[in-house]
Amino acid sequence: MSSRRSRQQSSSTRISDDQIIELVSKLRQLVPEIRDRRSSKVSASKVLQETCNYIRNLHREVDDLSERLSQLLSTIDADSAEASIIRSLINQ
C-alpha cells in the first residue's frame, strides 16, 4: 500500500514533457552562448550543459569581483564613503 501511495505522489510531482520543453526554451533565451547562435537547433542536453557552464562562469566572475573589491577595500580609508559602498557591495 505504501508503494502505491509513493507512486501516486511521484506521478503528481512529475514534470510534464511540455513543461520541460518550456523550461529548456526559457534557458535557451537566457544563456548567451545559445541565444547568440545563428542555428536555432540545439538539443536539450546541450542547453543544459551550456547552462551549467554559464552558471559556473558566473560564480567565478562573482568570486573574482568580490576578491577585487576586497583588495580595493584594503587600500582605502576604512571610514570613507567609498569603503562603505564597497562593503555594501561585498555583503550583497
C-alpha atoms as a PDB file:
ATOM      1  CA  MET A   1       0.000   0.000   0.000  1.00  0.00           C
ATOM      2  CA  SER A   2       2.809   2.408   0.773  1.00  0.00           C
ATOM      3  CA  SER A   3       4.400   1.726  -2.627  1.00  0.00           C
ATOM      4  CA  ARG A   4       1.097   2.635  -4.285  1.00  0.00           C
ATOM      5  CA  ARG A   5       0.965   5.884  -2.321  1.00  0.00           C
ATOM      6  CA  SER A   6       4.547   6.749  -3.272  1.00  0.00           C
ATOM      7  CA  ARG A   7       3.788   6.089  -6.948  1.00  0.00           C
ATOM      8  CA  GLN A   8       0.806   8.435  -6.754  1.00  0.00           C
ATOM      9  CA  GLN A   9       2.918  11.145  -5.139  1.00  0.00           C
ATOM     10  CA  SER A  10       5.747  10.780  -7.631  1.00  0.00           C
ATOM     11  CA  SER A  11       3.375  10.955 -10.593  1.00  0.00           C
ATOM     12  CA  SER A  12       1.728  14.086  -9.232  1.00  0.00           C
ATOM     13  CA  THR A  13       5.083  15.835  -8.766  1.00  0.00           C
ATOM     14  CA  ARG A  14       6.481  14.817 -12.144  1.00  0.00           C
ATOM     15  CA  ILE A  15       7.172  17.488 -14.697  1.00  0.00           C
ATOM     16  CA  SER A  16       5.348  17.007 -17.976  1.00  0.00           C
ATOM     17  CA  ASP A  17       7.152  16.903 -21.312  1.00  0.00           C
ATOM     18  CA  ASP A  18       5.537  20.215 -22.235  1.00  0.00           C
ATOM     19  CA  GLN A  19       6.863  21.817 -19.064  1.00  0.00           C
ATOM     20  CA  ILE A  20      10.363  20.515 -19.808  1.00  0.00           C
ATOM     21  CA  ILE A  21      10.192  21.895 -23.339  1.00  0.00           C
ATOM     22  CA  GLU A  22       9.073  25.260 -21.988  1.00  0.00           C
ATOM     23  CA  LEU A  23      11.847  25.367 -19.377  1.00  0.00           C
ATOM     24  CA  VAL A  24      14.516  24.430 -21.921  1.00  0.00           C
ATOM     25  CA  SER A  25      13.169  27.140 -24.212  1.00  0.00           C
ATOM     26  CA  LYS A  26      13.498  29.695 -21.404  1.00  0.00           C
ATOM     27  CA  LEU A  27      17.074  28.575 -20.766  1.00  0.00           C
ATOM     28  CA  ARG A  28      17.852  28.989 -24.477  1.00  0.00           C
ATOM     29  CA  GLN A  29      16.796  32.631 -24.177  1.00  0.00           C
ATOM     30  CA  LEU A  30      18.822  33.257 -21.018  1.00  0.00           C
ATOM     31  CA  VAL A  31      22.176  31.702 -21.858  1.00  0.00           C
ATOM     32  CA  PRO A  32      24.208  33.969 -24.173  1.00  0.00           C
ATOM     33  CA  GLU A  33      26.174  31.094 -25.730  1.00  0.00           C
ATOM     34  CA  ILE A  34      22.935  29.602 -27.024  1.00  0.00           C
ATOM     35  CA  ARG A  35      20.889  32.752 -27.553  1.00  0.00           C
ATOM     36  CA  ASP A  36      23.538  34.295 -29.822  1.00  0.00           C
ATOM     37  CA  ARG A  37      23.916  31.256 -32.088  1.00  0.00           C
ATOM     38  CA  ARG A  38      22.677  31.537 -35.620  1.00  0.00           C
ATOM     39  CA  SER A  39      21.367  27.988 -35.590  1.00  0.00           C
ATOM     40  CA  SER A  40      18.181  27.527 -33.601  1.00  0.00           C
ATOM     41  CA  LYS A  41      18.628  23.743 -33.419  1.00  0.00           C
ATOM     42  CA  VAL A  42      20.260  22.992 -30.091  1.00  0.00           C
ATOM     43  CA  SER A  43      19.460  19.809 -28.210  1.00  0.00           C
ATOM     44  CA  ALA A  44      18.033  19.947 -24.712  1.00  0.00           C
ATOM     45  CA  SER A  45      21.115  18.191 -23.350  1.00  0.00           C
ATOM     46  CA  LYS A  46      23.354  20.824 -24.967  1.00  0.00           C
ATOM     47  CA  VAL A  47      21.170  23.583 -23.485  1.00  0.00           C
ATOM     48  CA  LEU A  48      21.530  22.055 -20.022  1.00  0.00           C
ATOM     49  CA  GLN A  49      25.279  21.598 -20.472  1.00  0.00           C
ATOM     50  CA  GLU A  50      25.756  25.192 -21.633  1.00  0.00           C
ATOM     51  CA  THR A  51      23.554  26.432 -18.782  1.00  0.00           C
ATOM     52  CA  CYS A  52      25.745  24.627 -16.240  1.00  0.00           C
ATOM     53  CA  ASN A  53      28.876  26.106 -17.831  1.00  0.00           C
ATOM     54  CA  TYR A  54      27.321  29.558 -17.813  1.00  0.00           C
ATOM     55  CA  ILE A  55      26.392  29.301 -14.126  1.00  0.00           C
ATOM     56  CA  ARG A  56      29.914  28.090 -13.254  1.00  0.00           C
ATOM     57  CA  ASN A  57      31.380  31.055 -15.136  1.00  0.00           C
ATOM     58  CA  LEU A  58      29.049  33.460 -13.352  1.00  0.00           C
ATOM     59  CA  HIS A  59      30.152  32.028  -9.989  1.00  0.00           C
ATOM     60  CA  ARG A  60      33.804  32.516 -10.973  1.00  0.00           C
ATOM     61  CA  GLU A  61      33.119  36.094 -12.029  1.00  0.00           C
ATOM     62  CA  VAL A  62      31.356  36.841  -8.739  1.00  0.00           C
ATOM     63  CA  ASP A  63      34.261  35.355  -6.786  1.00  0.00           C
ATOM     64  CA  ASP A  64      36.788  37.353  -8.818  1.00  0.00           C
ATOM     65  CA  LEU A  65      34.859  40.594  -8.411  1.00  0.00           C
ATOM     66  CA  SER A  66      34.452  40.013  -4.672  1.00  0.00           C
ATOM     67  CA  GLU A  67      38.184  39.450  -4.378  1.00  0.00           C
ATOM     68  CA  ARG A  68      38.918  42.629  -6.327  1.00  0.00           C
ATOM     69  CA  LEU A  69      36.521  44.613  -4.136  1.00  0.00           C
ATOM     70  CA  SER A  70      38.156  43.207  -1.003  1.00  0.00           C
ATOM     71  CA  GLN A  71      41.582  44.202  -2.309  1.00  0.00           C
ATOM     72  CA  LEU A  72      40.313  47.673  -3.155  1.00  0.00           C
ATOM     73  CA  LEU A  73      38.785  47.998   0.285  1.00  0.00           C
ATOM     74  CA  SER A  74      42.130  47.225   1.900  1.00  0.00           C
ATOM     75  CA  THR A  75      43.750  50.141   0.048  1.00  0.00           C
ATOM     76  CA  ILE A  76      41.357  52.912   1.110  1.00  0.00           C
ATOM     77  CA  ASP A  77      40.390  54.572   4.365  1.00  0.00           C
ATOM     78  CA  ALA A  78      38.030  52.220   6.224  1.00  0.00           C
ATOM     79  CA  ASP A  79      35.775  55.102   7.333  1.00  0.00           C
ATOM     80  CA  SER A  80      35.374  56.696   3.901  1.00  0.00           C
ATOM     81  CA  ALA A  81      32.183  56.768   1.850  1.00  0.00           C
ATOM     82  CA  GLU A  82      33.918  54.642  -0.792  1.00  0.00           C
ATOM     83  CA  ALA A  83      34.700  51.964   1.796  1.00  0.00           C
ATOM     84  CA  SER A  84      31.085  51.933   2.893  1.00  0.00           C
ATOM     85  CA  ILE A  85      29.910  51.443  -0.697  1.00  0.00           C
ATOM     86  CA  ILE A  86      32.393  48.631  -1.272  1.00  0.00           C
ATOM     87  CA  ARG A  87      31.373  46.891   1.956  1.00  0.00           C
ATOM     88  CA  SER A  88      27.719  47.052   0.922  1.00  0.00           C
ATOM     89  CA  LEU A  89      28.595  45.536  -2.466  1.00  0.00           C
ATOM     90  CA  ILE A  90      30.572  42.719  -0.869  1.00  0.00           C
ATOM     91  CA  ASN A  91      27.764  41.898   1.576  1.00  0.00           C
ATOM     92  CA  GLN A  92      25.073  41.595  -1.109  1.00  0.00           C
END
